[in-house]
PDB file of N, CA and C in Angstrom:
ATOM      1  N   MET A   1     -10.724  17.380 -19.980  1.00  0.00           N
ATOM      2  CA  MET A   1     -10.054  18.174 -18.946  1.00  0.00           C
ATOM      3  C   MET A   1     -10.213  17.603 -17.537  1.00  0.00           C
ATOM      4  N   ARG A   2     -11.431  16.979 -17.541  1.00  0.00           N
ATOM      5  CA  ARG A   2     -11.890  16.471 -16.176  1.00  0.00           C
ATOM      6  C   ARG A   2     -10.986  15.166 -15.562  1.00  0.00           C
ATOM      7  N   ARG A   3     -10.630  14.557 -16.757  1.00  0.00           N
ATOM      8  CA  ARG A   3      -9.732  13.290 -16.307  1.00  0.00           C
ATOM      9  C   ARG A   3      -8.208  13.866 -15.613  1.00  0.00           C
ATOM     10  N   ARG A   4      -7.954  14.896 -16.300  1.00  0.00           N
ATOM     11  CA  ARG A   4      -6.615  15.387 -15.944  1.00  0.00           C
ATOM     12  C   ARG A   4      -6.645  16.064 -14.672  1.00  0.00           C
ATOM     13  N   ALA A   5      -7.905  16.730 -14.236  1.00  0.00           N
ATOM     14  CA  ALA A   5      -8.151  17.273 -12.868  1.00  0.00           C
ATOM     15  C   ALA A   5      -8.095  16.251 -11.841  1.00  0.00           C
ATOM     16  N   PHE A   6      -8.723  14.916 -12.330  1.00  0.00           N
ATOM     17  CA  PHE A   6      -8.815  13.916 -11.346  1.00  0.00           C
ATOM     18  C   PHE A   6      -7.482  13.415 -11.031  1.00  0.00           C
ATOM     19  N   ILE A   7      -6.750  13.201 -12.158  1.00  0.00           N
ATOM     20  CA  ILE A   7      -5.526  12.518 -11.884  1.00  0.00           C
ATOM     21  C   ILE A   7      -4.592  13.338 -11.083  1.00  0.00           C
ATOM     22  N   ALA A   8      -4.678  14.865 -11.282  1.00  0.00           N
ATOM     23  CA  ALA A   8      -3.926  15.741 -10.458  1.00  0.00           C
ATOM     24  C   ALA A   8      -4.376  15.798  -9.005  1.00  0.00           C
ATOM     25  N   THR A   9      -5.547  15.755  -8.697  1.00  0.00           N
ATOM     26  CA  THR A   9      -6.227  15.465  -7.386  1.00  0.00           C
ATOM     27  C   THR A   9      -5.665  14.265  -6.664  1.00  0.00           C
ATOM     28  N   GLY A  10      -5.793  13.209  -7.449  1.00  0.00           N
ATOM     29  CA  GLY A  10      -5.443  11.891  -6.923  1.00  0.00           C
ATOM     30  C   GLY A  10      -3.761  11.724  -6.524  1.00  0.00           C
ATOM     31  N   GLY A  11      -3.087  12.466  -7.429  1.00  0.00           N
ATOM     32  CA  GLY A  11      -1.781  12.432  -7.236  1.00  0.00           C
ATOM     33  C   GLY A  11      -1.389  13.287  -5.939  1.00  0.00           C
ATOM     34  N   LEU A  12      -2.098  14.561  -5.861  1.00  0.00           N
ATOM     35  CA  LEU A  12      -1.910  15.326  -4.598  1.00  0.00           C
ATOM     36  C   LEU A  12      -2.162  14.505  -3.467  1.00  0.00           C
ATOM     37  N   GLY A  13      -3.224  13.947  -3.407  1.00  0.00           N
ATOM     38  CA  GLY A  13      -4.073  13.104  -2.225  1.00  0.00           C
ATOM     39  C   GLY A  13      -2.811  11.739  -1.972  1.00  0.00           C
ATOM     40  N   LEU A  14      -2.437  11.289  -3.015  1.00  0.00           N
ATOM     41  CA  LEU A  14      -1.186  10.229  -2.836  1.00  0.00           C
ATOM     42  C   LEU A  14       0.026  10.834  -1.968  1.00  0.00           C
ATOM     43  N   ALA A  15       0.365  11.852  -2.608  1.00  0.00           N
ATOM     44  CA  ALA A  15       1.655  12.603  -2.125  1.00  0.00           C
ATOM     45  C   ALA A  15       1.304  13.015  -0.550  1.00  0.00           C
ATOM     46  N   GLY A  16       0.100  13.478  -0.339  1.00  0.00           N
ATOM     47  CA  GLY A  16      -0.110  13.876   1.072  1.00  0.00           C
ATOM     48  C   GLY A  16      -0.049  12.687   1.978  1.00  0.00           C
ATOM     49  N   ALA A  17      -0.667  11.514   1.481  1.00  0.00           N
ATOM     50  CA  ALA A  17      -0.837  10.153   2.184  1.00  0.00           C
ATOM     51  C   ALA A  17       0.549   9.772   2.455  1.00  0.00           C
ATOM     52  N   ALA A  18       1.548   9.911   1.364  1.00  0.00           N
ATOM     53  CA  ALA A  18       2.892   9.276   1.611  1.00  0.00           C
ATOM     54  C   ALA A  18       3.619  10.175   2.439  1.00  0.00           C
ATOM     55  N   LEU A  19       3.403  11.475   2.726  1.00  0.00           N
ATOM     56  CA  LEU A  19       4.222  12.242   3.664  1.00  0.00           C
ATOM     57  C   LEU A  19       3.619  12.069   5.197  1.00  0.00           C
ATOM     58  N   ALA A  20       2.207  11.818   5.171  1.00  0.00           N
ATOM     59  CA  ALA A  20       1.596  11.799   6.374  1.00  0.00           C
ATOM     60  C   ALA A  20       2.020  10.197   7.179  1.00  0.00           C
ATOM     61  N   ALA A  21       2.198   9.156   6.264  1.00  0.00           N
ATOM     62  CA  ALA A  21       2.276   7.918   6.479  1.00  0.00           C
ATOM     63  C   ALA A  21       3.363   7.729   7.729  1.00  0.00           C
ATOM     64  N   PRO A  22       4.788   8.251   7.475  1.00  0.00           N
ATOM     65  CA  PRO A  22       5.495   8.005   8.789  1.00  0.00           C
ATOM     66  C   PRO A  22       5.209   8.376  10.083  1.00  0.00           C
ATOM     67  N   ALA A  23       4.542   9.628  10.038  1.00  0.00           N
ATOM     68  CA  ALA A  23       3.795  10.070  11.500  1.00  0.00           C
ATOM     69  C   ALA A  23       2.941   9.125  11.985  1.00  0.00           C
ATOM     70  N   ILE A  24       2.118   8.894  11.165  1.00  0.00           N
ATOM     71  CA  ILE A  24       1.045   7.808  11.537  1.00  0.00           C
ATOM     72  C   ILE A  24       1.540   6.354  12.026  1.00  0.00           C
ATOM     73  N   ALA A  25       2.579   6.071  11.432  1.00  0.00           N
ATOM     74  CA  ALA A  25       3.336   4.651  11.529  1.00  0.00           C
ATOM     75  C   ALA A  25       4.060   4.940  13.006  1.00  0.00           C
ATOM     76  N   GLN A  26       4.525   6.024  13.197  1.00  0.00           N
ATOM     77  CA  GLN A  26       5.294   6.159  14.585  1.00  0.00           C
ATOM     78  C   GLN A  26       4.488   6.199  15.632  1.00  0.00           C
ATOM     79  N   SER A  27       3.153   6.696  15.575  1.00  0.00           N
ATOM     80  CA  SER A  27       2.113   6.848  16.667  1.00  0.00           C
ATOM     81  C   SER A  27       1.737   5.571  16.995  1.00  0.00           C
ATOM     82  N   GLN A  28       1.719   4.569  16.231  1.00  0.00           N
ATOM     83  CA  GLN A  28       0.828   3.318  16.415  1.00  0.00           C
ATOM     84  C   GLN A  28       1.905   2.482  17.564  1.00  0.00           C
ATOM     85  N   PRO A  29       0.867   1.774  18.397  1.00  0.00           N
ATOM     86  CA  PRO A  29       1.771   0.810  19.069  1.00  0.00           C
ATOM     87  C   PRO A  29       2.330  -0.236  18.593  1.00  0.00           C
ATOM     88  N   GLU A  30       3.488  -0.921  19.147  1.00  0.00           N
ATOM     89  CA  GLU A  30       4.173  -2.079  18.566  1.00  0.00           C
ATOM     90  C   GLU A  30       3.420  -3.337  18.786  1.00  0.00           C
ATOM     91  N   ILE A  31       3.054  -3.880  17.611  1.00  0.00           N
ATOM     92  CA  ILE A  31       2.456  -5.558  17.478  1.00  0.00           C
ATOM     93  C   ILE A  31       3.412  -6.578  17.612  1.00  0.00           C
ATOM     94  N   LYS A  32       3.213  -7.416  18.620  1.00  0.00           N
ATOM     95  CA  LYS A  32       4.083  -8.541  18.542  1.00  0.00           C
ATOM     96  C   LYS A  32       3.085  -9.583  18.174  1.00  0.00           C
ATOM     97  N   TRP A  33       3.570 -10.191  16.998  1.00  0.00           N
ATOM     98  CA  TRP A  33       2.541 -11.109  16.277  1.00  0.00           C
ATOM     99  C   TRP A  33       2.773 -12.625  16.897  1.00  0.00           C
ATOM    100  N   ARG A  34       1.898 -13.391  16.946  1.00  0.00           N
ATOM    101  CA  ARG A  34       1.990 -14.904  17.552  1.00  0.00           C
ATOM    102  C   ARG A  34       1.417 -15.637  16.589  1.00  0.00           C
ATOM    103  N   LEU A  35       1.769 -16.994  16.360  1.00  0.00           N
ATOM    104  CA  LEU A  35       1.063 -18.092  15.836  1.00  0.00           C
ATOM    105  C   LEU A  35      -0.205 -18.364  16.451  1.00  0.00           C
ATOM    106  N   ALA A  36      -1.285 -18.344  15.513  1.00  0.00           N
ATOM    107  CA  ALA A  36      -2.621 -18.708  16.134  1.00  0.00           C
ATOM    108  C   ALA A  36      -2.795 -20.110  16.101  1.00  0.00           C
ATOM    109  N   ALA A  37      -2.983 -20.755  17.154  1.00  0.00           N
ATOM    110  CA  ALA A  37      -2.999 -22.166  17.196  1.00  0.00           C
ATOM    111  C   ALA A  37      -3.990 -22.739  18.266  1.00  0.00           C
ATOM    112  N   SER A  38      -4.704 -23.798  18.263  1.00  0.00           N
ATOM    113  CA  SER A  38      -5.565 -24.234  18.979  1.00  0.00           C
ATOM    114  C   SER A  38      -4.942 -25.037  20.335  1.00  0.00           C
ATOM    115  N   TRP A  39      -3.531 -25.151  20.603  1.00  0.00           N
ATOM    116  CA  TRP A  39      -2.949 -25.835  21.529  1.00  0.00           C
ATOM    117  C   TRP A  39      -2.243 -24.722  22.346  1.00  0.00           C
ATOM    118  N   PRO A  40      -2.216 -24.880  23.679  1.00  0.00           N
ATOM    119  CA  PRO A  40      -1.462 -23.705  24.420  1.00  0.00           C
ATOM    120  C   PRO A  40      -0.052 -23.792  24.145  1.00  0.00           C
ATOM    121  N   LYS A  41       0.643 -22.607  24.522  1.00  0.00           N
ATOM    122  CA  LYS A  41       2.095 -22.615  24.268  1.00  0.00           C
ATOM    123  C   LYS A  41       2.869 -23.262  25.097  1.00  0.00           C
ATOM    124  N   SER A  42       2.312 -23.662  26.303  1.00  0.00           N
ATOM    125  CA  SER A  42       3.149 -24.484  27.355  1.00  0.00           C
ATOM    126  C   SER A  42       2.959 -26.007  27.063  1.00  0.00           C
ATOM    127  N   LEU A  43       2.476 -26.450  25.855  1.00  0.00           N
ATOM    128  CA  LEU A  43       2.148 -27.810  25.917  1.00  0.00           C
ATOM    129  C   LEU A  43       3.507 -28.546  25.674  1.00  0.00           C
ATOM    130  N   ASP A  44       3.661 -29.637  26.452  1.00  0.00           N
ATOM    131  CA  ASP A  44       5.247 -30.188  26.427  1.00  0.00           C
ATOM    132  C   ASP A  44       5.196 -30.942  25.153  1.00  0.00           C
ATOM    133  N   THR A  45       4.194 -31.564  24.469  1.00  0.00           N
ATOM    134  CA  THR A  45       4.454 -32.498  23.565  1.00  0.00           C
ATOM    135  C   THR A  45       5.081 -31.871  22.185  1.00  0.00           C
ATOM    136  N   ILE A  46       4.870 -30.502  22.049  1.00  0.00           N
ATOM    137  CA  ILE A  46       5.351 -30.132  20.862  1.00  0.00           C
ATOM    138  C   ILE A  46       6.668 -29.296  21.104  1.00  0.00           C
ATOM    139  N   PHE A  47       7.182 -29.105  22.332  1.00  0.00           N
ATOM    140  CA  PHE A  47       8.343 -28.374  22.733  1.00  0.00           C
ATOM    141  C   PHE A  47       8.609 -27.051  22.077  1.00  0.00           C
ATOM    142  N   GLY A  48       7.553 -26.350  21.698  1.00  0.00           N
ATOM    143  CA  GLY A  48       7.596 -24.935  21.409  1.00  0.00           C
ATOM    144  C   GLY A  48       7.967 -25.026  19.770  1.00  0.00           C
ATOM    145  N   GLY A  49       7.426 -26.166  19.150  1.00  0.00           N
ATOM    146  CA  GLY A  49       7.847 -26.478  17.827  1.00  0.00           C
ATOM    147  C   GLY A  49       7.012 -25.602  16.943  1.00  0.00           C
ATOM    148  N   ALA A  50       5.834 -25.145  17.418  1.00  0.00           N
ATOM    149  CA  ALA A  50       5.034 -24.395  16.624  1.00  0.00           C
ATOM    150  C   ALA A  50       5.882 -22.933  16.285  1.00  0.00           C
ATOM    151  N   GLU A  51       6.546 -22.397  17.265  1.00  0.00           N
ATOM    152  CA  GLU A  51       7.144 -21.110  16.816  1.00  0.00           C
ATOM    153  C   GLU A  51       8.544 -21.301  16.121  1.00  0.00           C
ATOM    154  N   HIS A  52       8.955 -22.470  16.004  1.00  0.00           N
ATOM    155  CA  HIS A  52      10.029 -22.719  15.163  1.00  0.00           C
ATOM    156  C   HIS A  52       9.570 -22.878  13.822  1.00  0.00           C
ATOM    157  N   ILE A  53       8.410 -23.404  13.457  1.00  0.00           N
ATOM    158  CA  ILE A  53       8.036 -23.679  11.823  1.00  0.00           C
ATOM    159  C   ILE A  53       7.077 -22.487  11.590  1.00  0.00           C
ATOM    160  N   MET A  54       6.964 -21.423  12.250  1.00  0.00           N
ATOM    161  CA  MET A  54       6.227 -20.222  11.714  1.00  0.00           C
ATOM    162  C   MET A  54       6.620 -19.718  10.389  1.00  0.00           C
ATOM    163  N   PRO A  55       8.057 -19.635  10.481  1.00  0.00           N
ATOM    164  CA  PRO A  55       8.427 -18.973   9.104  1.00  0.00           C
ATOM    165  C   PRO A  55       8.249 -19.778   7.876  1.00  0.00           C
ATOM    166  N   LEU A  56       8.107 -21.265   8.056  1.00  0.00           N
ATOM    167  CA  LEU A  56       7.673 -22.164   6.957  1.00  0.00           C
ATOM    168  C   LEU A  56       6.318 -22.025   6.581  1.00  0.00           C
ATOM    169  N   TRP A  57       5.279 -21.854   7.603  1.00  0.00           N
ATOM    170  CA  TRP A  57       4.053 -21.582   7.254  1.00  0.00           C
ATOM    171  C   TRP A  57       3.681 -20.255   6.396  1.00  0.00           C
ATOM    172  N   TRP A  58       4.318 -19.280   6.922  1.00  0.00           N
ATOM    173  CA  TRP A  58       4.184 -18.098   6.372  1.00  0.00           C
ATOM    174  C   TRP A  58       4.786 -18.095   4.710  1.00  0.00           C
ATOM    175  N   ALA A  59       5.843 -18.836   4.683  1.00  0.00           N
ATOM    176  CA  ALA A  59       6.526 -18.915   3.365  1.00  0.00           C
ATOM    177  C   ALA A  59       5.530 -19.680   2.392  1.00  0.00           C
ATOM    178  N   LEU A  60       5.000 -20.684   3.000  1.00  0.00           N
ATOM    179  CA  LEU A  60       4.107 -21.657   2.371  1.00  0.00           C
ATOM    180  C   LEU A  60       2.542 -20.774   1.886  1.00  0.00           C
ATOM    181  N   SER A  61       2.159 -20.009   2.840  1.00  0.00           N
ATOM    182  CA  SER A  61       0.919 -19.188   2.730  1.00  0.00           C
ATOM    183  C   SER A  61       1.241 -18.183   1.598  1.00  0.00           C
ATOM    184  N   LEU A  62       2.277 -17.545   1.762  1.00  0.00           N
ATOM    185  CA  LEU A  62       2.518 -16.310   0.711  1.00  0.00           C
ATOM    186  C   LEU A  62       2.958 -16.865  -0.568  1.00  0.00           C
ATOM    187  N   GLY A  63       3.637 -17.948  -0.695  1.00  0.00           N
ATOM    188  CA  GLY A  63       3.867 -18.518  -2.022  1.00  0.00           C
ATOM    189  C   GLY A  63       2.865 -19.133  -2.739  1.00  0.00           C
ATOM    190  N   ALA A  64       1.799 -19.768  -1.930  1.00  0.00           N
ATOM    191  CA  ALA A  64       0.607 -20.247  -2.465  1.00  0.00           C
ATOM    192  C   ALA A  64      -0.438 -19.006  -3.107  1.00  0.00           C
ATOM    193  N   CYS A  65      -0.350 -18.099  -2.321  1.00  0.00           N
ATOM    194  CA  CYS A  65      -1.370 -17.027  -2.300  1.00  0.00           C
ATOM    195  C   CYS A  65      -0.837 -16.170  -3.679  1.00  0.00           C
ATOM    196  N   LEU A  66       0.398 -15.976  -3.526  1.00  0.00           N
ATOM    197  CA  LEU A  66       0.746 -14.885  -4.391  1.00  0.00           C
ATOM    198  C   LEU A  66       1.264 -15.676  -5.808  1.00  0.00           C
ATOM    199  N   GLY A  67       1.811 -16.799  -5.547  1.00  0.00           N
ATOM    200  CA  GLY A  67       2.205 -17.691  -6.818  1.00  0.00           C
ATOM    201  C   GLY A  67       1.077 -17.783  -7.643  1.00  0.00           C
ATOM    202  N   GLY A  68      -0.180 -17.893  -7.408  1.00  0.00           N
ATOM    203  CA  GLY A  68      -1.240 -18.409  -8.207  1.00  0.00           C
ATOM    204  C   GLY A  68      -1.513 -17.066  -9.194  1.00  0.00           C
ATOM    205  N   ASN A  69      -1.008 -15.892  -8.763  1.00  0.00           N
ATOM    206  CA  ASN A  69      -1.500 -14.814  -9.667  1.00  0.00           C
ATOM    207  C   ASN A  69      -0.532 -14.734 -10.907  1.00  0.00           C
ATOM    208  N   GLY A  70       0.467 -15.661 -11.271  1.00  0.00           N
ATOM    209  CA  GLY A  70       1.217 -15.540 -12.420  1.00  0.00           C
ATOM    210  C   GLY A  70       0.729 -16.218 -13.727  1.00  0.00           C
ATOM    211  N   THR A  71      -0.365 -16.941 -13.668  1.00  0.00           N
ATOM    212  CA  THR A  71      -0.958 -17.547 -14.637  1.00  0.00           C
ATOM    213  C   THR A  71      -2.416 -17.264 -14.636  1.00  0.00           C
ATOM    214  N   LEU A  72      -2.972 -17.499 -15.751  1.00  0.00           N
ATOM    215  CA  LEU A  72      -4.566 -17.289 -15.735  1.00  0.00           C
ATOM    216  C   LEU A  72      -5.218 -18.343 -14.957  1.00  0.00           C
ATOM    217  N   ILE A  73      -4.915 -19.691 -14.969  1.00  0.00           N
ATOM    218  CA  ILE A  73      -5.472 -20.656 -14.308  1.00  0.00           C
ATOM    219  C   ILE A  73      -5.078 -20.807 -12.749  1.00  0.00           C
ATOM    220  N   GLY A  74      -4.152 -19.862 -12.394  1.00  0.00           N
ATOM    221  CA  GLY A  74      -3.472 -19.929 -11.102  1.00  0.00           C
ATOM    222  C   GLY A  74      -4.401 -19.640 -10.067  1.00  0.00           C
ATOM    223  N   ALA A  75      -5.443 -18.979 -10.152  1.00  0.00           N
ATOM    224  CA  ALA A  75      -6.372 -18.418  -9.050  1.00  0.00           C
ATOM    225  C   ALA A  75      -7.678 -18.140  -9.836  1.00  0.00           C
ATOM    226  N   SER A  76      -8.607 -18.616  -8.952  1.00  0.00           N
ATOM    227  CA  SER A  76      -9.920 -18.477  -9.530  1.00  0.00           C
ATOM    228  C   SER A  76     -10.484 -17.006  -9.904  1.00  0.00           C
ATOM    229  N   ALA A  77     -10.019 -16.131  -9.079  1.00  0.00           N
ATOM    230  CA  ALA A  77     -10.222 -14.687  -9.382  1.00  0.00           C
ATOM    231  C   ALA A  77      -9.494 -14.284 -10.938  1.00  0.00           C
ATOM    232  N   ASN A  78      -8.483 -14.735 -11.227  1.00  0.00           N
ATOM    233  CA  ASN A  78      -8.117 -14.599 -12.627  1.00  0.00           C
ATOM    234  C   ASN A  78      -9.062 -15.041 -13.755  1.00  0.00           C
ATOM    235  N   LEU A  79      -9.598 -16.101 -13.495  1.00  0.00           N
ATOM    236  CA  LEU A  79     -10.557 -16.736 -14.445  1.00  0.00           C
ATOM    237  C   LEU A  79     -11.676 -15.818 -14.463  1.00  0.00           C
ATOM    238  N   THR A  80     -12.074 -15.376 -13.193  1.00  0.00           N
ATOM    239  CA  THR A  80     -13.448 -14.473 -13.198  1.00  0.00           C
ATOM    240  C   THR A  80     -13.284 -13.121 -14.011  1.00  0.00           C
ATOM    241  N   VAL A  81     -12.074 -12.597 -13.649  1.00  0.00           N
ATOM    242  CA  VAL A  81     -11.674 -11.429 -14.540  1.00  0.00           C
ATOM    243  C   VAL A  81     -11.825 -11.763 -15.960  1.00  0.00           C
ATOM    244  N   ALA A  82     -11.174 -12.705 -16.297  1.00  0.00           N
ATOM    245  CA  ALA A  82     -11.060 -13.059 -17.891  1.00  0.00           C
ATOM    246  C   ALA A  82     -12.611 -13.131 -18.410  1.00  0.00           C
ATOM    247  N   GLY A  83     -13.360 -13.853 -17.590  1.00  0.00           N
ATOM    248  CA  GLY A  83     -14.736 -14.284 -18.005  1.00  0.00           C
ATOM    249  C   GLY A  83     -15.474 -12.777 -18.180  1.00  0.00           C
ATOM    250  N   ILE A  84     -15.265 -11.922 -17.478  1.00  0.00           N
ATOM    251  CA  ILE A  84     -15.966 -10.442 -17.342  1.00  0.00           C
ATOM    252  C   ILE A  84     -15.321  -9.701 -18.425  1.00  0.00           C
ATOM    253  N   ALA A  85     -14.057  -9.774 -18.790  1.00  0.00           N
ATOM    254  CA  ALA A  85     -13.448  -9.082 -19.824  1.00  0.00           C
ATOM    255  C   ALA A  85     -13.787  -9.688 -21.138  1.00  0.00           C
ATOM    256  N   GLU A  86     -14.046 -11.023 -21.325  1.00  0.00           N
ATOM    257  CA  GLU A  86     -14.401 -11.685 -22.550  1.00  0.00           C
ATOM    258  C   GLU A  86     -15.914 -11.033 -22.937  1.00  0.00           C
ATOM    259  N   ARG A  87     -16.838 -11.136 -21.749  1.00  0.00           N
ATOM    260  CA  ARG A  87     -17.951 -10.561 -21.880  1.00  0.00           C
ATOM    261  C   ARG A  87     -18.391  -9.071 -22.516  1.00  0.00           C
ATOM    262  N   ASN A  88     -17.178  -8.474 -22.061  1.00  0.00           N
ATOM    263  CA  ASN A  88     -17.269  -7.006 -22.528  1.00  0.00           C
ATOM    264  C   ASN A  88     -16.545  -6.662 -23.662  1.00  0.00           C
ATOM    265  N   GLY A  89     -16.230  -7.787 -24.335  1.00  0.00           N
ATOM    266  CA  GLY A  89     -15.529  -7.585 -25.671  1.00  0.00           C
ATOM    267  C   GLY A  89     -13.878  -7.449 -25.743  1.00  0.00           C
ATOM    268  N   VAL A  90     -13.200  -7.620 -24.462  1.00  0.00           N
ATOM    269  CA  VAL A  90     -11.712  -7.700 -24.359  1.00  0.00           C
ATOM    270  C   VAL A  90     -11.461  -9.057 -24.322  1.00  0.00           C
ATOM    271  N   GLU A  91     -10.706  -9.644 -25.340  1.00  0.00           N
ATOM    272  CA  GLU A  91     -10.090 -10.940 -25.569  1.00  0.00           C
ATOM    273  C   GLU A  91      -8.801 -10.987 -25.260  1.00  0.00           C
ATOM    274  N   PHE A  92      -8.268 -11.852 -24.241  1.00  0.00           N
ATOM    275  CA  PHE A  92      -7.140 -11.948 -24.157  1.00  0.00           C
ATOM    276  C   PHE A  92      -6.739 -13.713 -23.831  1.00  0.00           C
ATOM    277  N   GLY A  93      -5.680 -14.191 -24.130  1.00  0.00           N
ATOM    278  CA  GLY A  93      -5.387 -15.588 -24.003  1.00  0.00           C
ATOM    279  C   GLY A  93      -4.530 -15.932 -22.747  1.00  0.00           C
ATOM    280  N   PHE A  94      -4.215 -17.162 -22.676  1.00  0.00           N
ATOM    281  CA  PHE A  94      -3.174 -17.708 -21.565  1.00  0.00           C
ATOM    282  C   PHE A  94      -1.982 -16.828 -21.555  1.00  0.00           C
ATOM    283  N   LEU A  95      -1.444 -16.876 -22.839  1.00  0.00           N
ATOM    284  CA  LEU A  95      -0.109 -16.382 -22.983  1.00  0.00           C
ATOM    285  C   LEU A  95       0.063 -14.921 -22.564  1.00  0.00           C
ATOM    286  N   THR A  96      -1.075 -14.319 -23.219  1.00  0.00           N
ATOM    287  CA  THR A  96      -1.025 -12.787 -23.101  1.00  0.00           C
ATOM    288  C   THR A  96      -1.125 -12.348 -21.661  1.00  0.00           C
ATOM    289  N   TYR A  97      -2.087 -13.049 -20.740  1.00  0.00           N
ATOM    290  CA  TYR A  97      -2.307 -12.712 -19.493  1.00  0.00           C
ATOM    291  C   TYR A  97      -0.881 -13.211 -18.784  1.00  0.00           C
ATOM    292  N   THR A  98      -0.127 -14.263 -18.977  1.00  0.00           N
ATOM    293  CA  THR A  98       1.114 -14.650 -18.366  1.00  0.00           C
ATOM    294  C   THR A  98       1.991 -13.467 -18.481  1.00  0.00           C
ATOM    295  N   LYS A  99       2.173 -13.194 -20.058  1.00  0.00           N
ATOM    296  CA  LYS A  99       3.141 -12.119 -20.285  1.00  0.00           C
ATOM    297  C   LYS A  99       3.029 -10.999 -19.293  1.00  0.00           C
ATOM    298  N   HIS A 100       1.977 -10.371 -19.105  1.00  0.00           N
ATOM    299  CA  HIS A 100       1.755  -9.361 -18.280  1.00  0.00           C
ATOM    300  C   HIS A 100       1.882  -9.716 -16.660  1.00  0.00           C
ATOM    301  N   ALA A 101       1.231 -10.744 -16.249  1.00  0.00           N
ATOM    302  CA  ALA A 101       1.134 -10.905 -14.832  1.00  0.00           C
ATOM    303  C   ALA A 101       2.289 -11.622 -14.352  1.00  0.00           C
ATOM    304  N   PHE A 102       3.128 -12.376 -14.995  1.00  0.00           N
ATOM    305  CA  PHE A 102       4.046 -13.133 -14.380  1.00  0.00           C
ATOM    306  C   PHE A 102       5.032 -12.251 -13.780  1.00  0.00           C
ATOM    307  N   GLY A 103       5.544 -11.342 -14.255  1.00  0.00           N
ATOM    308  CA  GLY A 103       6.566 -10.355 -13.781  1.00  0.00           C
ATOM    309  C   GLY A 103       6.020  -9.880 -12.655  1.00  0.00           C
ATOM    310  N   LEU A 104       4.716  -9.323 -12.618  1.00  0.00           N
ATOM    311  CA  LEU A 104       4.317  -8.845 -11.365  1.00  0.00           C
ATOM    312  C   LEU A 104       4.282  -9.759 -10.246  1.00  0.00           C
ATOM    313  N   MET A 105       3.817 -10.914 -10.702  1.00  0.00           N
ATOM    314  CA  MET A 105       3.842 -12.123  -9.478  1.00  0.00           C
ATOM    315  C   MET A 105       5.356 -12.219  -9.036  1.00  0.00           C
ATOM    316  N   LEU A 106       6.342 -12.069  -9.855  1.00  0.00           N
ATOM    317  CA  LEU A 106       7.707 -12.383  -9.360  1.00  0.00           C
ATOM    318  C   LEU A 106       8.027 -11.376  -8.496  1.00  0.00           C
ATOM    319  N   ILE A 107       7.594  -9.994  -8.777  1.00  0.00           N
ATOM    320  CA  ILE A 107       7.951  -8.952  -7.800  1.00  0.00           C
ATOM    321  C   ILE A 107       7.386  -9.124  -6.535  1.00  0.00           C
ATOM    322  N   SER A 108       6.055  -9.476  -6.443  1.00  0.00           N
ATOM    323  CA  SER A 108       5.290  -9.664  -5.232  1.00  0.00           C
ATOM    324  C   SER A 108       5.932 -10.850  -4.251  1.00  0.00           C
ATOM    325  N   VAL A 109       6.408 -12.029  -5.037  1.00  0.00           N
ATOM    326  CA  VAL A 109       6.953 -12.969  -4.211  1.00  0.00           C
ATOM    327  C   VAL A 109       8.451 -12.566  -3.717  1.00  0.00           C
ATOM    328  N   ALA A 110       9.020 -11.721  -4.639  1.00  0.00           N
ATOM    329  CA  ALA A 110      10.481 -11.333  -4.038  1.00  0.00           C
ATOM    330  C   ALA A 110      10.107 -10.213  -2.798  1.00  0.00           C
ATOM    331  N   ILE A 111       9.403  -9.353  -2.736  1.00  0.00           N
ATOM    332  CA  ILE A 111       9.175  -8.654  -1.771  1.00  0.00           C
ATOM    333  C   ILE A 111       8.727  -9.362  -0.504  1.00  0.00           C
ATOM    334  N   SER A 112       7.863 -10.411  -0.676  1.00  0.00           N
ATOM    335  CA  SER A 112       7.624 -11.270   0.417  1.00  0.00           C
ATOM    336  C   SER A 112       8.675 -12.032   0.942  1.00  0.00           C
ATOM    337  N   THR A 113       9.529 -12.584   0.164  1.00  0.00           N
ATOM    338  CA  THR A 113      10.656 -13.199   0.542  1.00  0.00           C
ATOM    339  C   THR A 113      11.730 -12.152   1.238  1.00  0.00           C
ATOM    340  N   LEU A 114      11.895 -10.913   0.712  1.00  0.00           N
ATOM    341  CA  LEU A 114      12.635 -10.033   1.513  1.00  0.00           C
ATOM    342  C   LEU A 114      11.904  -9.637   2.809  1.00  0.00           C
ATOM    343  N   TYR A 115      10.801  -9.684   2.944  1.00  0.00           N
ATOM    344  CA  TYR A 115      10.046  -9.465   4.277  1.00  0.00           C
ATOM    345  C   TYR A 115      10.271 -10.632   5.304  1.00  0.00           C
ATOM    346  N   LEU A 116      10.217 -11.943   4.929  1.00  0.00           N
ATOM    347  CA  LEU A 116      10.468 -12.995   5.554  1.00  0.00           C
ATOM    348  C   LEU A 116      11.992 -13.307   6.012  1.00  0.00           C
ATOM    349  N   TRP A 117      12.776 -12.771   4.959  1.00  0.00           N
ATOM    350  CA  TRP A 117      14.310 -12.719   5.376  1.00  0.00           C
ATOM    351  C   TRP A 117      14.536 -11.618   6.583  1.00  0.00           C
ATOM    352  N   TRP A 118      13.979 -10.686   6.551  1.00  0.00           N
ATOM    353  CA  TRP A 118      13.911  -9.463   7.495  1.00  0.00           C
ATOM    354  C   TRP A 118      13.287  -9.884   8.600  1.00  0.00           C
ATOM    355  N   ARG A 119      12.258 -10.609   8.806  1.00  0.00           N
ATOM    356  CA  ARG A 119      11.444 -10.897   9.941  1.00  0.00           C
ATOM    357  C   ARG A 119      12.085 -12.040  10.639  1.00  0.00           C
ATOM    358  N   TYR A 120      12.583 -13.036  10.141  1.00  0.00           N
ATOM    359  CA  TYR A 120      12.695 -14.288  10.643  1.00  0.00           C
ATOM    360  C   TYR A 120      14.328 -14.705  10.627  1.00  0.00           C
ATOM    361  N   LEU A 121      15.176 -14.031   9.887  1.00  0.00           N
ATOM    362  CA  LEU A 121      16.721 -14.067   9.735  1.00  0.00           C
ATOM    363  C   LEU A 121      17.289 -13.203  10.692  1.00  0.00           C
TER     364      LEU A 121
END
């Protein structure tokens, strides 16, 4: 019964946070993101090229980070969790992990793609 009470309390907390999130987001100041670089923006040799390739850097970063979550050997954290699980008696192989994680990886990459389209196109 304590588990049900915990889940109910957590659900109410999540619902409250979901209702309060728009009000909190509206009160935040607008942030203008810029590319962090070691050269000044007025440097004539790159002709503002850093601003033009920023979407490519974001796509590369998100693809490399999130794409590694699809397979067991794609990221070192996946192997760490597999080792801890095996030590505790939960055995799963490469295909079992891929069967569960690949769909979630596709969803996260699709969300990132939609964000990049919205932000830069």
